[in-house]
PDB file of N, CA and C in Angstrom:
ATOM      1  N   UNK A   1       7.451  14.599  45.048  1.00  0.00           N
ATOM      2  CA  UNK A   1       8.303  14.258  43.923  1.00  0.00           C
ATOM      3  C   UNK A   1       8.213  15.396  42.906  1.00  0.00           C
ATOM      4  N   UNK A   2       9.354  15.789  42.366  1.00  0.00           N
ATOM      5  CA  UNK A   2       9.371  16.843  41.360  1.00  0.00           C
ATOM      6  C   UNK A   2       8.954  16.269  40.008  1.00  0.00           C
ATOM      7  N   UNK A   3       8.557  17.147  39.112  1.00  0.00           N
ATOM      8  CA  UNK A   3       8.195  16.709  37.755  1.00  0.00           C
ATOM      9  C   UNK A   3       9.403  16.056  37.094  1.00  0.00           C
ATOM     10  N   UNK A   4      10.579  16.641  37.313  1.00  0.00           N
ATOM     11  CA  UNK A   4      11.794  16.083  36.728  1.00  0.00           C
ATOM     12  C   UNK A   4      12.050  14.662  37.228  1.00  0.00           C
ATOM     13  N   UNK A   5      11.864  14.429  38.511  1.00  0.00           N
ATOM     14  CA  UNK A   5      12.055  13.088  39.074  1.00  0.00           C
ATOM     15  C   UNK A   5      10.997  12.124  38.541  1.00  0.00           C
ATOM     16  N   UNK A   6       9.776  12.607  38.431  1.00  0.00           N
ATOM     17  CA  UNK A   6       8.702  11.766  37.903  1.00  0.00           C
ATOM     18  C   UNK A   6       9.004  11.339  36.471  1.00  0.00           C
ATOM     19  N   UNK A   7       9.401  12.292  35.642  1.00  0.00           N
ATOM     20  CA  UNK A   7       9.730  11.972  34.249  1.00  0.00           C
ATOM     21  C   UNK A   7      10.906  11.006  34.199  1.00  0.00           C
ATOM     22  N   UNK A   8      11.894  11.212  35.059  1.00  0.00           N
ATOM     23  CA  UNK A   8      13.046  10.325  35.092  1.00  0.00           C
ATOM     24  C   UNK A   8      12.699   8.897  35.468  1.00  0.00           C
ATOM     25  N   UNK A   9      11.604   8.707  36.179  1.00  0.00           N
ATOM     26  CA  UNK A   9      11.213   7.368  36.611  1.00  0.00           C
ATOM     27  C   UNK A   9      10.378   6.625  35.566  1.00  0.00           C
ATOM     28  N   UNK A  10       9.983   7.312  34.510  1.00  0.00           N
ATOM     29  CA  UNK A  10       9.134   6.689  33.488  1.00  0.00           C
ATOM     30  C   UNK A  10       9.957   5.865  32.507  1.00  0.00           C
ATOM     31  N   UNK A  11       9.325   4.833  31.950  1.00  0.00           N
ATOM     32  CA  UNK A  11       9.958   4.068  30.879  1.00  0.00           C
ATOM     33  C   UNK A  11       9.913   4.902  29.602  1.00  0.00           C
ATOM     34  N   UNK A  12      10.639   4.470  28.590  1.00  0.00           N
ATOM     35  CA  UNK A  12      10.652   5.206  27.329  1.00  0.00           C
ATOM     36  C   UNK A  12       9.251   5.293  26.726  1.00  0.00           C
ATOM     37  N   UNK A  13       8.508   4.196  26.749  1.00  0.00           N
ATOM     38  CA  UNK A  13       7.158   4.223  26.179  1.00  0.00           C
ATOM     39  C   UNK A  13       6.233   5.133  27.000  1.00  0.00           C
ATOM     40  N   UNK A  14       6.417   5.171  28.304  1.00  0.00           N
ATOM     41  CA  UNK A  14       5.612   6.069  29.141  1.00  0.00           C
ATOM     42  C   UNK A  14       5.962   7.534  28.868  1.00  0.00           C
ATOM     43  N   UNK A  15       7.239   7.810  28.629  1.00  0.00           N
ATOM     44  CA  UNK A  15       7.656   9.172  28.296  1.00  0.00           C
ATOM     45  C   UNK A  15       7.053   9.618  26.972  1.00  0.00           C
ATOM     46  N   UNK A  16       7.057   8.725  25.986  1.00  0.00           N
ATOM     47  CA  UNK A  16       6.461   9.065  24.690  1.00  0.00           C
ATOM     48  C   UNK A  16       4.964   9.310  24.829  1.00  0.00           C
ATOM     49  N   UNK A  17       4.295   8.500  25.614  1.00  0.00           N
ATOM     50  CA  UNK A  17       2.868   8.692  25.849  1.00  0.00           C
ATOM     51  C   UNK A  17       2.624  10.022  26.557  1.00  0.00           C
ATOM     52  N   UNK A  18       3.459  10.340  27.552  1.00  0.00           N
ATOM     53  CA  UNK A  18       3.314  11.603  28.270  1.00  0.00           C
ATOM     54  C   UNK A  18       3.509  12.784  27.325  1.00  0.00           C
ATOM     55  N   UNK A  19       4.497  12.695  26.424  1.00  0.00           N
ATOM     56  CA  UNK A  19       4.708  13.776  25.453  1.00  0.00           C
ATOM     57  C   UNK A  19       3.492  13.933  24.550  1.00  0.00           C
ATOM     58  N   UNK A  20       2.931  12.815  24.117  1.00  0.00           N
ATOM     59  CA  UNK A  20       1.750  12.859  23.259  1.00  0.00           C
ATOM     60  C   UNK A  20       0.571  13.509  23.987  1.00  0.00           C
ATOM     61  N   UNK A  21       0.379  13.134  25.250  1.00  0.00           N
ATOM     62  CA  UNK A  21      -0.721  13.714  26.032  1.00  0.00           C
ATOM     63  C   UNK A  21      -0.516  15.208  26.270  1.00  0.00           C
ATOM     64  N   UNK A  22       0.719  15.585  26.573  1.00  0.00           N
ATOM     65  CA  UNK A  22       1.018  17.010  26.791  1.00  0.00           C
ATOM     66  C   UNK A  22       0.814  17.788  25.497  1.00  0.00           C
ATOM     67  N   UNK A  23       1.301  17.250  24.370  1.00  0.00           N
ATOM     68  CA  UNK A  23       1.136  17.937  23.087  1.00  0.00           C
ATOM     69  C   UNK A  23      -0.343  18.088  22.751  1.00  0.00           C
ATOM     70  N   UNK A  24      -1.123  17.036  22.966  1.00  0.00           N
ATOM     71  CA  UNK A  24      -2.557  17.105  22.680  1.00  0.00           C
ATOM     72  C   UNK A  24      -3.217  18.186  23.532  1.00  0.00           C
ATOM     73  N   UNK A  25      -2.849  18.249  24.803  1.00  0.00           N
ATOM     74  CA  UNK A  25      -3.428  19.252  25.688  1.00  0.00           C
ATOM     75  C   UNK A  25      -3.035  20.663  25.250  1.00  0.00           C
ATOM     76  N   UNK A  26      -1.759  20.858  24.936  1.00  0.00           N
ATOM     77  CA  UNK A  26      -1.312  22.176  24.472  1.00  0.00           C
ATOM     78  C   UNK A  26      -1.978  22.556  23.153  1.00  0.00           C
ATOM     79  N   UNK A  27      -2.142  21.586  22.258  1.00  0.00           N
ATOM     80  CA  UNK A  27      -2.753  21.852  20.957  1.00  0.00           C
ATOM     81  C   UNK A  27      -4.210  22.258  21.089  1.00  0.00           C
ATOM     82  N   UNK A  28      -4.891  21.731  22.088  1.00  0.00           N
ATOM     83  CA  UNK A  28      -6.293  22.097  22.293  1.00  0.00           C
ATOM     84  C   UNK A  28      -6.451  23.556  22.694  1.00  0.00           C
ATOM     85  N   UNK A  29      -5.392  24.137  23.222  1.00  0.00           N
ATOM     86  CA  UNK A  29      -5.419  25.532  23.664  1.00  0.00           C
ATOM     87  C   UNK A  29      -4.344  26.338  22.952  1.00  0.00           C
ATOM     88  N   UNK A  30      -4.146  26.057  21.662  1.00  0.00           N
ATOM     89  CA  UNK A  30      -3.057  26.679  20.908  1.00  0.00           C
ATOM     90  C   UNK A  30      -3.166  28.196  20.875  1.00  0.00           C
ATOM     91  N   UNK A  31      -4.373  28.729  20.882  1.00  0.00           N
ATOM     92  CA  UNK A  31      -4.544  30.185  20.835  1.00  0.00           C
ATOM     93  C   UNK A  31      -3.990  30.849  22.088  1.00  0.00           C
ATOM     94  N   UNK A  32      -3.892  30.100  23.174  1.00  0.00           N
ATOM     95  CA  UNK A  32      -3.372  30.649  24.428  1.00  0.00           C
ATOM     96  C   UNK A  32      -1.839  30.649  24.489  1.00  0.00           C
ATOM     97  N   UNK A  33      -1.200  29.990  23.500  1.00  0.00           N
ATOM     98  CA  UNK A  33       0.261  29.889  23.505  1.00  0.00           C
ATOM     99  C   UNK A  33       0.852  30.959  22.597  1.00  0.00           C
ATOM    100  N   UNK A  34       1.563  31.898  23.161  1.00  0.00           N
ATOM    101  CA  UNK A  34       2.172  32.928  22.318  1.00  0.00           C
ATOM    102  C   UNK A  34       3.342  32.341  21.528  1.00  0.00           C
ATOM    103  N   UNK A  35       3.481  32.765  20.289  1.00  0.00           N
ATOM    104  CA  UNK A  35       4.631  32.359  19.486  1.00  0.00           C
ATOM    105  C   UNK A  35       5.821  33.217  19.862  1.00  0.00           C
ATOM    106  N   UNK A  36       7.020  32.655  19.802  1.00  0.00           N
ATOM    107  CA  UNK A  36       8.205  33.476  20.081  1.00  0.00           C
ATOM    108  C   UNK A  36       8.348  34.566  19.015  1.00  0.00           C
ATOM    109  N   UNK A  37       9.035  35.629  19.339  1.00  0.00           N
ATOM    110  CA  UNK A  37       9.184  36.763  18.437  1.00  0.00           C
ATOM    111  C   UNK A  37       9.776  36.367  17.085  1.00  0.00           C
ATOM    112  N   UNK A  38      10.718  35.433  17.083  1.00  0.00           N
ATOM    113  CA  UNK A  38      11.399  35.058  15.844  1.00  0.00           C
ATOM    114  C   UNK A  38      10.527  34.203  14.925  1.00  0.00           C
ATOM    115  N   UNK A  39       9.450  33.617  15.439  1.00  0.00           N
ATOM    116  CA  UNK A  39       8.671  32.642  14.676  1.00  0.00           C
ATOM    117  C   UNK A  39       8.061  33.237  13.410  1.00  0.00           C
ATOM    118  N   UNK A  40       7.453  34.405  13.521  1.00  0.00           N
ATOM    119  CA  UNK A  40       6.805  35.033  12.372  1.00  0.00           C
ATOM    120  C   UNK A  40       7.811  35.300  11.252  1.00  0.00           C
ATOM    121  N   UNK A  41       8.999  35.783  11.621  1.00  0.00           N
ATOM    122  CA  UNK A  41      10.023  36.073  10.615  1.00  0.00           C
ATOM    123  C   UNK A  41      10.476  34.798   9.907  1.00  0.00           C
ATOM    124  N   UNK A  42      10.648  33.721  10.644  1.00  0.00           N
ATOM    125  CA  UNK A  42      11.090  32.454  10.049  1.00  0.00           C
ATOM    126  C   UNK A  42      10.017  31.906   9.110  1.00  0.00           C
ATOM    127  N   UNK A  43       8.760  31.967   9.518  1.00  0.00           N
ATOM    128  CA  UNK A  43       7.669  31.476   8.666  1.00  0.00           C
ATOM    129  C   UNK A  43       7.639  32.266   7.354  1.00  0.00           C
ATOM    130  N   UNK A  44       7.718  33.582   7.438  1.00  0.00           N
ATOM    131  CA  UNK A  44       7.685  34.404   6.220  1.00  0.00           C
ATOM    132  C   UNK A  44       8.899  34.142   5.331  1.00  0.00           C
ATOM    133  N   UNK A  45      10.068  33.960   5.944  1.00  0.00           N
ATOM    134  CA  UNK A  45      11.274  33.675   5.168  1.00  0.00           C
ATOM    135  C   UNK A  45      11.130  32.354   4.412  1.00  0.00           C
ATOM    136  N   UNK A  46      10.594  31.356   5.073  1.00  0.00           N
ATOM    137  CA  UNK A  46      10.450  30.046   4.426  1.00  0.00           C
ATOM    138  C   UNK A  46       9.382  30.061   3.349  1.00  0.00           C
ATOM    139  N   UNK A  47       8.332  30.839   3.552  1.00  0.00           N
ATOM    140  CA  UNK A  47       7.307  30.960   2.513  1.00  0.00           C
ATOM    141  C   UNK A  47       7.836  31.724   1.302  1.00  0.00           C
ATOM    142  N   UNK A  48       8.680  32.719   1.546  1.00  0.00           N
ATOM    143  CA  UNK A  48       9.252  33.514   0.460  1.00  0.00           C
ATOM    144  C   UNK A  48      10.356  32.776  -0.283  1.00  0.00           C
ATOM    145  N   UNK A  49      11.040  31.866   0.388  1.00  0.00           N
ATOM    146  CA  UNK A  49      12.183  31.155  -0.191  1.00  0.00           C
ATOM    147  C   UNK A  49      12.045  29.654   0.028  1.00  0.00           C
ATOM    148  N   UNK A  50      11.096  29.016  -0.660  1.00  0.00           N
ATOM    149  CA  UNK A  50      10.937  27.567  -0.449  1.00  0.00           C
ATOM    150  C   UNK A  50      12.171  26.811  -0.928  1.00  0.00           C
ATOM    151  N   UNK A  51      12.313  25.615  -0.430  1.00  0.00           N
ATOM    152  CA  UNK A  51      13.437  24.778  -0.830  1.00  0.00           C
ATOM    153  C   UNK A  51      13.334  24.479  -2.313  1.00  0.00           C
ATOM    154  N   UNK A  52      14.472  24.418  -2.990  1.00  0.00           N
ATOM    155  CA  UNK A  52      14.428  24.091  -4.418  1.00  0.00           C
ATOM    156  C   UNK A  52      13.990  22.646  -4.612  1.00  0.00           C
ATOM    157  N   UNK A  53      13.449  22.370  -5.760  1.00  0.00           N
ATOM    158  CA  UNK A  53      13.061  21.004  -6.074  1.00  0.00           C
ATOM    159  C   UNK A  53      11.574  20.886  -6.322  1.00  0.00           C
ATOM    160  N   UNK A  54      11.183  19.677  -6.572  1.00  0.00           N
ATOM    161  CA  UNK A  54       9.794  19.377  -6.907  1.00  0.00           C
ATOM    162  C   UNK A  54       8.870  19.609  -5.713  1.00  0.00           C
ATOM    163  N   UNK A  55       7.728  20.188  -5.975  1.00  0.00           N
ATOM    164  CA  UNK A  55       6.713  20.379  -4.938  1.00  0.00           C
ATOM    165  C   UNK A  55       5.802  19.159  -4.967  1.00  0.00           C
ATOM    166  N   UNK A  56       5.650  18.513  -3.816  1.00  0.00           N
ATOM    167  CA  UNK A  56       4.828  17.308  -3.728  1.00  0.00           C
ATOM    168  C   UNK A  56       3.497  17.624  -3.075  1.00  0.00           C
ATOM    169  N   UNK A  57       2.453  16.903  -3.510  1.00  0.00           N
ATOM    170  CA  UNK A  57       1.201  17.022  -2.767  1.00  0.00           C
ATOM    171  C   UNK A  57       1.357  16.233  -1.471  1.00  0.00           C
ATOM    172  N   UNK A  58       0.424  16.404  -0.578  1.00  0.00           N
ATOM    173  CA  UNK A  58       0.557  15.834   0.755  1.00  0.00           C
ATOM    174  C   UNK A  58       0.689  14.313   0.735  1.00  0.00           C
ATOM    175  N   UNK A  59      -0.114  13.630  -0.060  1.00  0.00           N
ATOM    176  CA  UNK A  59      -0.052  12.156  -0.101  1.00  0.00           C
ATOM    177  C   UNK A  59       1.300  11.680  -0.601  1.00  0.00           C
ATOM    178  N   UNK A  60       1.823  12.321  -1.656  1.00  0.00           N
ATOM    179  CA  UNK A  60       3.138  11.930  -2.177  1.00  0.00           C
ATOM    180  C   UNK A  60       4.239  12.219  -1.163  1.00  0.00           C
ATOM    181  N   UNK A  61       4.117  13.325  -0.456  1.00  0.00           N
ATOM    182  CA  UNK A  61       5.107  13.661   0.571  1.00  0.00           C
ATOM    183  C   UNK A  61       5.102  12.603   1.675  1.00  0.00           C
ATOM    184  N   UNK A  62       3.907  12.184   2.116  1.00  0.00           N
ATOM    185  CA  UNK A  62       3.823  11.137   3.138  1.00  0.00           C
ATOM    186  C   UNK A  62       4.462   9.841   2.636  1.00  0.00           C
ATOM    187  N   UNK A  63       4.188   9.480   1.383  1.00  0.00           N
ATOM    188  CA  UNK A  63       4.780   8.258   0.817  1.00  0.00           C
ATOM    189  C   UNK A  63       6.303   8.361   0.773  1.00  0.00           C
ATOM    190  N   UNK A  64       6.806   9.529   0.390  1.00  0.00           N
ATOM    191  CA  UNK A  64       8.257   9.713   0.321  1.00  0.00           C
ATOM    192  C   UNK A  64       8.889   9.595   1.703  1.00  0.00           C
ATOM    193  N   UNK A  65       8.271  10.200   2.684  1.00  0.00           N
ATOM    194  CA  UNK A  65       8.791  10.124   4.057  1.00  0.00           C
ATOM    195  C   UNK A  65       8.738   8.691   4.561  1.00  0.00           C
ATOM    196  N   UNK A  66       7.624   7.990   4.305  1.00  0.00           N
ATOM    197  CA  UNK A  66       7.501   6.601   4.749  1.00  0.00           C
ATOM    198  C   UNK A  66       8.559   5.729   4.077  1.00  0.00           C
ATOM    199  N   UNK A  67       8.804   5.962   2.793  1.00  0.00           N
ATOM    200  CA  UNK A  67       9.848   5.205   2.098  1.00  0.00           C
ATOM    201  C   UNK A  67      11.213   5.457   2.695  1.00  0.00           C
ATOM    202  N   UNK A  68      11.499   6.727   3.032  1.00  0.00           N
ATOM    203  CA  UNK A  68      12.776   7.058   3.656  1.00  0.00           C
ATOM    204  C   UNK A  68      12.902   6.375   5.014  1.00  0.00           C
ATOM    205  N   UNK A  69      11.806   6.421   5.805  1.00  0.00           N
ATOM    206  CA  UNK A  69      11.827   5.785   7.123  1.00  0.00           C
ATOM    207  C   UNK A  69      12.054   4.284   6.994  1.00  0.00           C
ATOM    208  N   UNK A  70      11.351   3.623   6.060  1.00  0.00           N
ATOM    209  CA  UNK A  70      11.507   2.187   5.883  1.00  0.00           C
ATOM    210  C   UNK A  70      12.923   1.825   5.446  1.00  0.00           C
ATOM    211  N   UNK A  71      13.510   2.646   4.577  1.00  0.00           N
ATOM    212  CA  UNK A  71      14.868   2.383   4.096  1.00  0.00           C
ATOM    213  C   UNK A  71      15.908   2.574   5.195  1.00  0.00           C
ATOM    214  N   UNK A  72      15.586   3.383   6.190  1.00  0.00           N
ATOM    215  CA  UNK A  72      16.562   3.688   7.239  1.00  0.00           C
ATOM    216  C   UNK A  72      16.272   2.977   8.555  1.00  0.00           C
ATOM    217  N   UNK A  73      15.346   2.029   8.549  1.00  0.00           N
ATOM    218  CA  UNK A  73      15.067   1.271   9.771  1.00  0.00           C
ATOM    219  C   UNK A  73      16.219   0.307  10.044  1.00  0.00           C
ATOM    220  N   UNK A  74      16.619   0.239  11.300  1.00  0.00           N
ATOM    221  CA  UNK A  74      17.662  -0.744  11.624  1.00  0.00           C
ATOM    222  C   UNK A  74      17.088  -2.160  11.475  1.00  0.00           C
ATOM    223  N   UNK A  75      17.896  -3.073  10.993  1.00  0.00           N
ATOM    224  CA  UNK A  75      17.412  -4.445  10.859  1.00  0.00           C
ATOM    225  C   UNK A  75      17.431  -5.137  12.205  1.00  0.00           C
ATOM    226  N   UNK A  76      16.420  -6.000  12.440  1.00  0.00           N
ATOM    227  CA  UNK A  76      16.316  -6.673  13.755  1.00  0.00           C
ATOM    228  C   UNK A  76      17.409  -7.661  14.012  1.00  0.00           C
TER     229      UNK A  76
END
């Protein structure tokens, strides 16, 4: 069975779990993953030109994102 066929046979929750496991594995060896050539330029551009508006600390940013997610949840 090919990887593509295996992934196609998984349920949505199994696919999400597989993505999480793959991401965790890749993250454990992040130094072995080369960044694409464009990545450094994009990071520097974003650091040099942050989005306008209020700068939030991490906790406030998480609260804002959670509020947005809760407001946009489909009703059951």
